[in-house]
C-alpha atoms as a PDB file:
ATOM      1  CA  UNK A   1     117.063  12.069  49.940  1.00  0.00           C
ATOM      2  CA  UNK A   2     113.629  13.787  49.587  1.00  0.00           C
ATOM      3  CA  UNK A   3     115.396  16.288  47.320  1.00  0.00           C
ATOM      4  CA  UNK A   4     116.076  13.046  45.016  1.00  0.00           C
ATOM      5  CA  UNK A   5     112.611  12.140  44.866  1.00  0.00           C
ATOM      6  CA  UNK A   6     111.570  15.976  44.190  1.00  0.00           C
ATOM      7  CA  UNK A   7     114.240  16.166  41.397  1.00  0.00           C
ATOM      8  CA  UNK A   8     112.856  12.447  40.185  1.00  0.00           C
ATOM      9  CA  UNK A   9     109.182  13.383  39.709  1.00  0.00           C
ATOM     10  CA  UNK A  10     110.194  16.815  37.775  1.00  0.00           C
ATOM     11  CA  UNK A  11     112.181  14.204  35.217  1.00  0.00           C
ATOM     12  CA  UNK A  12     109.333  11.959  34.745  1.00  0.00           C
ATOM     13  CA  UNK A  13     106.796  14.824  34.781  1.00  0.00           C
ATOM     14  CA  UNK A  14     109.304  16.327  31.956  1.00  0.00           C
ATOM     15  CA  UNK A  15     108.792  13.075  30.125  1.00  0.00           C
ATOM     16  CA  UNK A  16     105.306  12.598  30.321  1.00  0.00           C
ATOM     17  CA  UNK A  17     105.167  16.002  28.786  1.00  0.00           C
ATOM     18  CA  UNK A  18     107.281  15.716  25.581  1.00  0.00           C
ATOM     19  CA  UNK A  19     106.218  12.043  24.788  1.00  0.00           C
ATOM     20  CA  UNK A  20     102.513  13.454  24.596  1.00  0.00           C
ATOM     21  CA  UNK A  21     104.079  16.043  22.254  1.00  0.00           C
ATOM     22  CA  UNK A  22     105.997  14.004  20.218  1.00  0.00           C
ATOM     23  CA  UNK A  23     102.441  11.728  19.778  1.00  0.00           C
ATOM     24  CA  UNK A  24     101.004  14.677  18.926  1.00  0.00           C
ATOM     25  CA  UNK A  25      98.121  14.465  21.701  1.00  0.00           C
ATOM     26  CA  UNK A  26      97.497  18.283  22.457  1.00  0.00           C
ATOM     27  CA  UNK A  27      95.024  18.086  24.951  1.00  0.00           C
ATOM     28  CA  UNK A  28      97.097  15.190  26.651  1.00  0.00           C
ATOM     29  CA  UNK A  29     100.099  17.279  26.373  1.00  0.00           C
ATOM     30  CA  UNK A  30      98.649  20.498  27.977  1.00  0.00           C
ATOM     31  CA  UNK A  31      97.344  19.002  30.906  1.00  0.00           C
ATOM     32  CA  UNK A  32     100.845  17.051  31.906  1.00  0.00           C
ATOM     33  CA  UNK A  33     102.245  20.688  31.363  1.00  0.00           C
ATOM     34  CA  UNK A  34     100.262  21.957  33.754  1.00  0.00           C
ATOM     35  CA  UNK A  35     101.215  19.286  36.580  1.00  0.00           C
ATOM     36  CA  UNK A  36     104.787  19.921  35.260  1.00  0.00           C
ATOM     37  CA  UNK A  37     104.846  23.587  36.026  1.00  0.00           C
ATOM     38  CA  UNK A  38     102.976  23.019  39.399  1.00  0.00           C
ATOM     39  CA  UNK A  39     105.937  20.181  40.444  1.00  0.00           C
ATOM     40  CA  UNK A  40     108.588  22.393  39.025  1.00  0.00           C
ATOM     41  CA  UNK A  41     107.004  25.721  40.716  1.00  0.00           C
ATOM     42  CA  UNK A  42     106.788  23.809  43.936  1.00  0.00           C
ATOM     43  CA  UNK A  43     110.400  22.453  43.738  1.00  0.00           C
ATOM     44  CA  UNK A  44     111.560  26.589  43.165  1.00  0.00           C
ATOM     45  CA  UNK A  45     109.671  27.491  46.113  1.00  0.00           C
ATOM     46  CA  UNK A  46     111.133  24.981  48.080  1.00  0.00           C
ATOM     47  CA  UNK A  47     114.648  25.780  47.056  1.00  0.00           C
ATOM     48  CA  UNK A  48     115.572  22.228  45.295  1.00  0.00           C
ATOM     49  CA  UNK A  49     116.432  23.670  42.002  1.00  0.00           C
ATOM     50  CA  UNK A  50     116.560  27.329  41.221  1.00  0.00           C
ATOM     51  CA  UNK A  51     113.531  29.319  40.076  1.00  0.00           C
ATOM     52  CA  UNK A  52     115.705  30.227  36.683  1.00  0.00           C
ATOM     53  CA  UNK A  53     115.902  26.536  36.286  1.00  0.00           C
ATOM     54  CA  UNK A  54     112.040  26.360  36.700  1.00  0.00           C
ATOM     55  CA  UNK A  55     110.954  28.625  34.579  1.00  0.00           C
ATOM     56  CA  UNK A  56     113.780  27.503  31.676  1.00  0.00           C
ATOM     57  CA  UNK A  57     112.227  23.865  31.735  1.00  0.00           C
ATOM     58  CA  UNK A  58     108.208  25.563  31.744  1.00  0.00           C
ATOM     59  CA  UNK A  59     109.509  27.864  28.800  1.00  0.00           C
ATOM     60  CA  UNK A  60     111.057  25.407  26.623  1.00  0.00           C
ATOM     61  CA  UNK A  61     108.081  22.935  27.413  1.00  0.00           C
ATOM     62  CA  UNK A  62     105.423  25.810  26.388  1.00  0.00           C
ATOM     63  CA  UNK A  63     107.519  26.282  22.876  1.00  0.00           C
ATOM     64  CA  UNK A  64     107.766  22.988  21.860  1.00  0.00           C
ATOM     65  CA  UNK A  65     103.706  22.293  22.588  1.00  0.00           C
ATOM     66  CA  UNK A  66     102.976  25.875  20.662  1.00  0.00           C
ATOM     67  CA  UNK A  67     105.100  24.757  17.672  1.00  0.00           C
ATOM     68  CA  UNK A  68     102.738  21.356  17.166  1.00  0.00           C
ATOM     69  CA  UNK A  69      99.654  23.502  17.745  1.00  0.00           C
ATOM     70  CA  UNK A  70     100.843  25.631  15.048  1.00  0.00           C
ATOM     71  CA  UNK A  71     101.635  23.000  12.504  1.00  0.00           C
ATOM     72  CA  UNK A  72      98.230  21.142  13.217  1.00  0.00           C
END
């Protein structure tokens, strides 16, 4: 049951980052990205998700954030 809670928090963190990016709030998106990365790393360290899954998600979010930074 604990794994379900952690996976849910991962999904929520990712959604918050994407929401901030869509709204164009760069500072907020950076803060939320940092929080999401921490949650992903912790889940990967515990073996709840694979480390490559963690890296892939962080990379995708960073890529989206950088795209909006360059556009602004």
